[in-house]
Amino acid sequence: MKKTFPEGFYWGSATASYQVEGGIENTDWAQAAREGRVPECGVACEHFTRYEADFDLAKELGHTAHRLSVEWARIEPVPGEFDSQAIAHYRRVLEALHARKLKPYVTIWHFTQPLWFSEKGGFEQKNAPQIFARYSAHVVRELGDLCDHFSTMNEPNVFASNGWLRGSWPPFKRFAITDMVSITNSGKMLDSKASKGFKPLFLYFRVMKNLALAHNAAYHAIKKVSPQTEVSFVHHVIVFDANWNPFNKIKAWIANYMWTYKFLNRTKNCCDSLGLNYYFYTQFGDKRVWRKTDMDWNFAPEKIEVALLMLAKTKLPLFVSEGGVADAVDSMRAEYIKLQVLGTWRAIQQGADVRGHMYWSLLDNYEWALGFGMRFGLIAVDYENQVRTPRPSAYVYKQICESNAVVE
């Protein structure tokens, strides 16, 4: 039996503004790079000027959708003042997608913050939700005629945990009282200059609360300016599992609640749909020797099925907003994609209302604290000359996209 997807299912890939555009210098990440705390992003993939050619490649590879983000620091370079040229640029980007019949999924904020916002405390501030809602409403007011689906934010749990628990991302605050070695979600050793102690734990909970309030406030602000717009946020789900041991089962339940369900419970009533980012599967009590990706993550793409079913409990429409593998030599990506797509199909068979699938990423790009070393792209980028080369695995994904079905 051919394993087909629902009619009208969207297939595509994803990018994020800071990771691919280049030339963004008024953010907390750019400032951290100037201080030597994270790698420089610089010109990145020059996607800011090369987006049309990149979208041509996406179209040639069978895609029918594309997830992108707009850069807050470009659009609101000073508080309350919006840059019309930045909006005009993103309008051209969306028009380019429409010209190629690629459905846009826009993320309003993908990690990087304008310096004016971060230097005042970012999402630690009491009024952060109102500031974010103002920005979000402006984006939809200006771009809503070219896009009917906006995600307010990307991976709030990853943003907060790396910034306030691990101390590996701005603002580099770490919940620790020793200099013990740890590894971040991006595989980088902790920033040696990170402030550490017990206070970051309390700040982490404050930030997570404010992020939920920010999403909810943005949802209502967006609906005021564009009631028909579909609003979501993009949730990073780690699938925590357990062996037979009842104590491990309790640990997995607690981990899933704290990482996935707590934030979801605060925000699900202000969502028209949900985006899923999936990369991690971990089992308490697991003694298997896992095959590893270049990021040293367990090779478990099929477990996206479990992640989708976790979000399906909300009864909301879902879309896979990210899922992919770091694989510089392209030896495992095709298999990874096949298994990830099969897992998505299986979730649909069990009742998950999944509407689309975006692989991460269209292009090799800046992988946050790891710089440009990790290669997630369907399309390889030579950073010396910006030449793009689709990898063999991109054509396996093309077969999936064009057949709208699982490829064995």
Protein backbone atom coordinates (compact mmCIF):
# COMPACT_ATOMS: atom_id res chain seq x y z
CA MET A 1 0.00 0.00 0.00
CA LYS A 2 1.31 3.41 -0.95
CA LYS A 3 1.63 5.62 2.10
CA THR A 4 0.28 8.94 0.85
CA PHE A 5 -0.28 12.24 2.63
CA PRO A 6 -3.51 14.26 2.64
CA GLU A 7 -4.33 16.26 -0.47
CA GLY A 8 -2.94 19.78 -0.20
CA PHE A 9 -0.18 18.75 2.23
CA TYR A 10 2.70 21.26 2.09
CA TRP A 11 6.32 20.23 1.62
CA GLY A 12 9.30 22.50 2.03
CA SER A 13 12.20 23.62 4.16
CA ALA A 14 13.08 26.34 6.62
CA THR A 15 15.55 29.16 7.20
CA ALA A 16 15.97 31.81 9.89
CA SER A 17 16.94 35.41 9.19
CA TYR A 18 20.06 35.80 11.36
CA GLN A 19 21.39 32.40 10.34
CA VAL A 20 21.29 33.05 6.59
CA GLU A 21 20.78 36.72 5.69
CA GLY A 22 24.08 38.29 6.74
CA GLY A 23 24.81 41.90 7.65
CA ILE A 24 22.77 42.08 10.86
CA GLU A 25 24.89 43.89 13.44
CA ASN A 26 22.42 45.47 15.89
CA THR A 27 21.47 42.30 17.80
CA ASP A 28 22.52 40.65 21.04
CA TRP A 29 24.19 37.84 19.06
CA ALA A 30 26.23 40.24 16.94
CA GLN A 31 27.33 42.04 20.11
CA ALA A 32 28.29 38.71 21.70
CA ALA A 33 30.39 37.93 18.63
CA ARG A 34 32.16 41.28 18.89
CA GLU A 35 32.99 40.34 22.48
CA GLY A 36 34.38 36.99 21.35
CA ARG A 37 31.76 34.94 23.15
CA VAL A 38 30.17 33.33 20.07
CA PRO A 39 31.41 32.93 16.48
CA GLU A 40 30.83 35.82 14.09
CA CYS A 41 27.95 35.47 11.66
CA GLY A 42 29.08 38.16 9.22
CA VAL A 43 27.66 37.81 5.72
CA ALA A 44 26.37 34.28 6.48
CA CYS A 45 24.85 32.91 3.25
CA GLU A 46 24.09 36.37 1.80
CA HIS A 47 20.48 35.23 1.59
CA PHE A 48 19.38 38.84 2.07
CA THR A 49 20.41 39.51 -1.54
CA ARG A 50 20.33 35.95 -2.94
CA TYR A 51 16.86 34.93 -1.76
CA GLU A 52 15.35 34.75 -5.26
CA ALA A 53 18.00 32.33 -6.51
CA ASP A 54 17.64 30.31 -3.31
CA PHE A 55 13.88 30.10 -3.79
CA ASP A 56 14.44 29.03 -7.40
CA LEU A 57 16.42 26.09 -6.04
CA ALA A 58 13.69 25.27 -3.53
CA LYS A 59 11.16 25.25 -6.34
CA GLU A 60 13.39 23.02 -8.50
CA LEU A 61 13.64 20.62 -5.55
CA GLY A 62 9.88 20.14 -5.47
CA HIS A 63 9.03 22.33 -2.50
CA THR A 64 5.60 23.89 -2.16
CA ALA A 65 6.19 25.84 1.07
CA HIS A 66 8.94 27.69 2.89
CA ARG A 67 9.32 28.73 6.51
CA LEU A 68 11.34 31.88 7.12
CA SER A 69 11.73 34.48 9.82
CA VAL A 70 11.84 38.26 9.75
CA GLU A 71 14.53 40.05 11.73
CA TRP A 72 13.24 42.10 14.65
CA ALA A 73 16.38 44.26 14.75
CA ARG A 74 15.90 45.23 11.09
CA ILE A 75 12.22 46.04 11.46
CA GLU A 76 12.40 47.88 14.82
CA PRO A 77 15.98 49.22 15.08
CA VAL A 78 14.98 51.62 17.86
CA PRO A 79 12.08 51.14 20.27
CA GLY A 80 8.73 52.03 18.77
CA GLU A 81 10.18 53.15 15.43
CA PHE A 82 9.74 50.83 12.46
CA ASP A 83 11.91 50.76 9.37
CA SER A 84 9.82 50.96 6.20
CA GLN A 85 12.74 49.78 4.06
CA ALA A 86 13.05 46.58 6.10
CA ILE A 87 9.33 45.94 5.69
CA ALA A 88 9.64 46.62 1.95
CA HIS A 89 12.43 44.05 1.75
CA TYR A 90 10.39 41.35 3.46
CA ARG A 91 7.43 42.18 1.22
CA ARG A 92 9.68 41.49 -1.77
CA VAL A 93 10.78 38.21 -0.18
CA LEU A 94 7.16 37.11 0.29
CA GLU A 95 6.27 38.21 -3.23
CA ALA A 96 9.17 36.10 -4.51
CA LEU A 97 7.75 33.08 -2.69
CA HIS A 98 4.29 33.66 -4.15
CA ALA A 99 5.76 34.02 -7.64
CA ARG A 100 7.17 30.51 -7.24
CA LYS A 101 3.98 29.14 -5.68
CA LEU A 102 5.73 28.51 -2.37
CA LYS A 103 3.43 28.98 0.62
CA PRO A 104 5.12 31.21 3.24
CA TYR A 105 5.18 30.38 6.93
CA VAL A 106 6.59 33.44 8.71
CA THR A 107 8.18 33.37 12.16
CA ILE A 108 8.06 36.82 13.74
CA TRP A 109 10.96 36.26 16.16
CA HIS A 110 13.69 33.62 15.89
CA PHE A 111 16.05 34.04 18.89
CA THR A 112 17.99 37.25 18.08
CA GLN A 113 16.94 40.42 19.88
CA PRO A 114 17.50 44.08 18.97
CA LEU A 115 20.28 45.52 21.12
CA TRP A 116 17.99 48.18 22.58
CA PHE A 117 15.71 45.40 23.84
CA SER A 118 18.36 43.01 25.14
CA GLU A 119 20.34 45.76 26.88
CA LYS A 120 17.26 46.70 28.90
CA GLY A 121 16.88 43.12 30.09
CA GLY A 122 15.15 41.44 27.15
CA PHE A 123 12.46 39.03 28.25
CA GLU A 124 13.36 39.51 31.90
CA GLN A 125 11.54 42.86 31.71
CA LYS A 126 8.05 43.11 33.12
CA ASN A 127 6.81 44.96 30.04
CA ALA A 128 8.48 42.59 27.54
CA PRO A 129 5.15 40.99 26.53
CA GLN A 130 3.68 44.36 25.60
CA ILE A 131 6.80 45.36 23.63
CA PHE A 132 6.75 42.07 21.76
CA ALA A 133 3.03 42.31 21.04
CA ARG A 134 3.51 45.80 19.57
CA TYR A 135 6.22 44.51 17.25
CA SER A 136 4.23 41.42 16.25
CA ALA A 137 1.13 43.43 15.41
CA HIS A 138 3.18 45.75 13.21
CA VAL A 139 4.68 42.83 11.28
CA VAL A 140 1.28 41.32 10.56
CA ARG A 141 -0.26 44.70 9.75
CA GLU A 142 2.45 45.29 7.13
CA LEU A 143 2.87 41.74 5.78
CA GLY A 144 -0.45 40.04 6.49
CA ASP A 145 -1.78 40.51 2.97
CA LEU A 146 1.11 38.38 1.70
CA CYS A 147 1.04 35.65 4.35
CA ASP A 148 -1.83 34.00 6.17
CA HIS A 149 0.25 32.07 8.72
CA PHE A 150 2.50 33.67 11.35
CA SER A 151 4.33 31.99 14.23
CA THR A 152 5.04 34.43 17.02
CA MET A 153 8.27 32.81 18.25
CA ASN A 154 10.66 29.93 17.75
CA GLU A 155 11.55 27.44 20.49
CA PRO A 156 10.98 29.52 23.63
CA ASN A 157 12.21 26.64 25.80
CA VAL A 158 15.53 26.40 23.91
CA PHE A 159 16.01 30.18 24.03
CA ALA A 160 15.48 30.33 27.79
CA SER A 161 17.41 27.20 28.76
CA ASN A 162 20.51 28.12 26.75
CA GLY A 163 20.44 31.72 27.92
CA TRP A 164 19.61 31.29 31.61
CA LEU A 165 20.38 27.69 32.60
CA ARG A 166 23.37 26.64 30.50
CA GLY A 167 24.73 30.14 30.00
CA SER A 168 25.92 29.34 26.49
CA TRP A 169 23.79 31.89 24.61
CA PRO A 170 23.12 35.56 25.32
CA PRO A 171 22.67 36.81 27.98
CA PHE A 172 25.08 34.09 29.28
CA LYS A 173 23.56 33.41 32.69
CA ARG A 174 24.15 29.95 34.09
CA PHE A 175 22.43 28.07 36.89
CA ALA A 176 25.56 26.65 38.51
CA ILE A 177 27.88 27.31 41.41
CA THR A 178 30.90 25.45 40.03
CA ASP A 179 32.87 25.42 36.79
CA MET A 180 31.72 21.93 35.88
CA VAL A 181 31.81 21.12 32.18
CA SER A 182 28.53 20.84 30.34
CA ILE A 183 27.28 20.67 26.78
CA THR A 184 24.63 22.90 25.25
CA ASN A 185 21.90 21.98 22.80
CA SER A 186 24.24 23.28 20.13
CA GLY A 187 27.08 21.07 21.32
CA LYS A 188 29.31 23.88 22.58
CA MET A 189 31.16 24.02 25.88
CA LEU A 190 29.72 26.56 28.27
CA ASP A 191 30.83 30.16 28.02
CA SER A 192 33.63 30.58 30.57
CA LYS A 193 32.57 34.16 31.32
CA ALA A 194 28.96 33.27 32.06
CA SER A 195 27.65 34.63 35.33
CA LYS A 196 26.71 31.69 37.50
CA GLY A 197 24.85 30.94 40.67
CA PHE A 198 21.31 30.25 41.79
CA LYS A 199 19.75 33.51 40.51
CA PRO A 200 19.68 32.40 36.84
CA LEU A 201 17.25 29.62 37.79
CA PHE A 202 14.74 32.15 39.09
CA LEU A 203 15.34 34.34 36.05
CA TYR A 204 14.76 31.33 33.80
CA PHE A 205 11.29 30.78 35.26
CA ARG A 206 10.57 34.52 34.92
CA VAL A 207 11.64 34.48 31.28
CA MET A 208 9.57 31.39 30.48
CA LYS A 209 6.52 33.03 32.06
CA ASN A 210 7.13 36.25 30.14
CA LEU A 211 7.57 34.35 26.88
CA ALA A 212 4.18 32.70 27.38
CA LEU A 213 2.63 36.06 28.21
CA ALA A 214 4.37 37.56 25.17
CA HIS A 215 2.93 34.94 22.85
CA ASN A 216 -0.56 35.36 24.27
CA ALA A 217 -0.36 39.16 24.06
CA ALA A 218 0.94 38.96 20.50
CA TYR A 219 -1.88 36.59 19.56
CA HIS A 220 -4.51 39.08 20.70
CA ALA A 221 -2.68 42.05 19.14
CA ILE A 222 -2.42 40.23 15.82
CA LYS A 223 -6.08 39.27 15.84
CA LYS A 224 -7.03 42.93 16.33
CA VAL A 225 -5.23 43.99 13.16
CA SER A 226 -5.89 40.82 11.14
CA PRO A 227 -8.61 38.54 12.54
CA GLN A 228 -8.24 36.02 9.72
CA THR A 229 -4.52 35.41 10.27
CA GLU A 230 -3.57 31.95 11.52
CA VAL A 231 -1.33 32.34 14.57
CA SER A 232 0.93 29.70 16.09
CA PHE A 233 4.22 29.36 17.87
CA VAL A 234 6.98 26.88 17.12
CA HIS A 235 7.58 24.40 19.94
CA HIS A 236 10.75 22.35 20.34
CA VAL A 237 9.73 18.93 21.63
CA ILE A 238 12.27 16.56 23.15
CA VAL A 239 10.83 13.07 23.40
CA PHE A 240 11.73 11.79 26.87
CA ASP A 241 11.15 8.06 27.20
CA ALA A 242 11.94 5.40 29.82
CA ASN A 243 12.76 1.74 30.12
CA TRP A 244 10.79 -0.61 32.36
CA ASN A 245 12.01 1.02 35.59
CA PRO A 246 9.10 2.90 37.27
CA PHE A 247 11.47 5.57 38.62
CA ASN A 248 12.67 6.22 35.07
CA LYS A 249 9.07 6.44 33.92
CA ILE A 250 8.43 9.11 36.56
CA LYS A 251 11.56 10.99 35.46
CA ALA A 252 10.38 10.89 31.83
CA TRP A 253 6.93 12.17 32.81
CA ILE A 254 8.43 15.07 34.75
CA ALA A 255 10.85 15.90 31.94
CA ASN A 256 8.12 15.89 29.30
CA TYR A 257 5.90 18.06 31.48
CA MET A 258 8.59 20.63 32.25
CA TRP A 259 10.02 20.79 28.73
CA THR A 260 6.91 20.49 26.56
CA TYR A 261 3.59 20.62 28.38
CA LYS A 262 4.09 23.41 30.90
CA PHE A 263 4.62 26.11 28.28
CA LEU A 264 2.01 24.54 26.02
CA ASN A 265 -0.61 24.65 28.76
CA ARG A 266 0.02 28.38 29.19
CA THR A 267 -0.37 29.18 25.49
CA LYS A 268 -2.53 26.60 23.70
CA ASN A 269 -5.71 28.66 24.06
CA CYS A 270 -4.02 31.42 22.07
CA CYS A 271 -3.03 29.23 19.12
CA ASP A 272 -4.79 28.44 15.87
CA SER A 273 -2.15 25.79 15.10
CA LEU A 274 1.24 24.61 16.35
CA GLY A 275 4.65 24.16 14.75
CA LEU A 276 6.86 21.26 15.81
CA ASN A 277 10.64 21.34 15.86
CA TYR A 278 11.99 17.86 16.51
CA TYR A 279 15.63 16.74 16.94
CA PHE A 280 16.02 14.84 20.23
CA TYR A 281 14.98 11.48 21.58
CA THR A 282 16.35 10.30 24.92
CA GLN A 283 15.38 7.33 27.09
CA PHE A 284 16.08 7.15 30.81
CA GLY A 285 17.72 3.80 31.58
CA ASP A 286 18.74 3.36 27.94
CA LYS A 287 21.85 1.22 27.42
CA ARG A 288 21.82 1.20 23.62
CA VAL A 289 24.82 2.46 21.69
CA TRP A 290 23.25 5.02 19.41
CA ARG A 291 24.28 5.95 15.92
CA LYS A 292 25.20 9.64 16.12
CA THR A 293 24.80 12.68 13.87
CA ASP A 294 27.54 15.26 13.39
CA MET A 295 26.02 17.10 16.34
CA ASP A 296 26.51 13.96 18.47
CA TRP A 297 22.75 13.59 18.75
CA ASN A 298 20.96 10.22 18.70
CA PHE A 299 19.89 9.20 15.21
CA ALA A 300 16.15 8.78 15.87
CA PRO A 301 14.16 10.58 13.14
CA GLU A 302 11.24 8.14 13.37
CA LYS A 303 10.49 9.35 16.91
CA ILE A 304 8.96 12.48 15.39
CA GLU A 305 5.81 10.34 15.46
CA VAL A 306 5.78 10.51 19.26
CA ALA A 307 6.49 14.25 19.29
CA LEU A 308 3.60 14.94 16.92
CA LEU A 309 1.23 12.82 18.99
CA MET A 310 2.25 14.76 22.09
CA LEU A 311 1.23 18.03 20.43
CA ALA A 312 -1.86 16.41 18.89
CA LYS A 313 -3.37 16.20 22.37
CA THR A 314 -4.23 19.90 21.95
CA LYS A 315 -6.53 19.00 19.00
CA LEU A 316 -4.90 21.83 17.03
CA PRO A 317 -3.68 21.62 13.43
CA LEU A 318 0.06 20.91 13.33
CA PHE A 319 2.93 21.43 10.94
CA VAL A 320 6.51 20.21 11.10
CA SER A 321 8.36 23.52 11.22
CA GLU A 322 11.84 21.98 11.62
CA GLY A 323 13.44 18.60 11.61
CA GLY A 324 16.75 17.64 10.09
CA VAL A 325 20.25 16.32 10.53
CA ALA A 326 23.80 17.69 10.61
CA ASP A 327 25.60 15.52 8.07
CA ALA A 328 28.54 17.13 6.28
CA VAL A 329 29.21 14.20 3.93
CA ASP A 330 25.52 13.52 3.23
CA SER A 331 25.86 9.87 4.21
CA MET A 332 22.76 9.66 6.43
CA ARG A 333 20.50 12.56 5.43
CA ALA A 334 18.44 10.67 2.84
CA GLU A 335 17.73 7.87 5.31
CA TYR A 336 17.00 10.41 8.04
CA ILE A 337 14.48 12.23 5.85
CA LYS A 338 12.75 9.00 4.80
CA LEU A 339 12.34 7.87 8.39
CA GLN A 340 11.23 11.32 9.58
CA VAL A 341 8.60 11.48 6.85
CA LEU A 342 7.45 7.93 7.68
CA GLY A 343 7.11 8.93 11.35
CA THR A 344 5.04 11.95 10.30
CA TRP A 345 2.77 9.73 8.18
CA ARG A 346 2.31 7.33 11.08
CA ALA A 347 1.27 10.18 13.38
CA ILE A 348 -1.33 11.26 10.82
CA GLN A 349 -2.71 7.70 10.72
CA GLN A 350 -3.23 7.96 14.49
CA GLY A 351 -5.20 11.18 14.25
CA ALA A 352 -2.62 13.96 14.30
CA ASP A 353 -3.85 16.79 12.05
CA VAL A 354 -0.53 17.53 10.35
CA ARG A 355 -0.75 19.99 7.45
CA GLY A 356 2.85 20.34 6.27
CA HIS A 357 6.50 19.38 6.66
CA MET A 358 9.53 21.70 6.54
CA TYR A 359 13.00 20.17 6.62
CA TRP A 360 15.76 22.07 8.47
CA SER A 361 17.35 23.56 6.55
CA LEU A 362 17.19 24.69 2.95
CA LEU A 363 20.80 25.94 3.20
CA ASP A 364 23.85 25.26 5.31
CA ASN A 365 23.92 28.15 7.78
CA TYR A 366 25.15 29.70 11.03
CA GLU A 367 24.46 27.12 13.73
CA TRP A 368 24.47 29.58 16.65
CA ALA A 369 27.25 28.89 19.17
CA LEU A 370 28.90 26.46 16.73
CA GLY A 371 29.29 28.94 13.90
CA PHE A 372 29.35 27.49 10.39
CA GLY A 373 30.82 24.06 11.13
CA MET A 374 27.60 22.05 11.16
CA ARG A 375 25.96 21.23 7.83
CA PHE A 376 22.19 20.82 7.98
CA GLY A 377 21.36 22.02 4.47
CA LEU A 378 19.66 20.25 1.64
CA ILE A 379 21.86 22.66 -0.29
CA ALA A 380 25.58 22.88 0.47
CA VAL A 381 27.00 26.40 0.72
CA ASP A 382 30.63 27.19 -0.06
CA TYR A 383 31.18 30.14 2.26
CA GLU A 384 34.22 31.36 0.34
CA ASN A 385 32.31 32.02 -2.87
CA GLN A 386 28.65 31.50 -1.86
CA VAL A 387 28.18 28.78 -4.47
CA ARG A 388 25.12 26.61 -3.81
CA THR A 389 25.12 22.88 -4.58
CA PRO A 390 22.09 20.67 -3.87
CA ARG A 391 23.13 17.50 -2.08
CA PRO A 392 22.05 14.05 -3.35
CA SER A 393 19.67 13.77 -0.37
CA ALA A 394 17.82 16.86 -1.62
CA TYR A 395 16.65 14.81 -4.60
CA VAL A 396 15.37 12.05 -2.35
CA TYR A 397 13.32 14.69 -0.56
CA LYS A 398 12.22 16.02 -3.96
CA GLN A 399 10.79 12.58 -4.77
CA ILE A 400 8.84 12.67 -1.50
CA CYS A 401 7.57 16.21 -2.13
CA GLU A 402 6.45 15.52 -5.69
CA SER A 403 4.83 12.16 -4.93
CA ASN A 404 3.23 13.42 -1.69
CA ALA A 405 4.06 10.06 -0.23
CA VAL A 406 6.50 8.06 1.85
CA VAL A 407 9.49 6.81 -0.13
CA GLU A 408 10.79 3.48 1.11
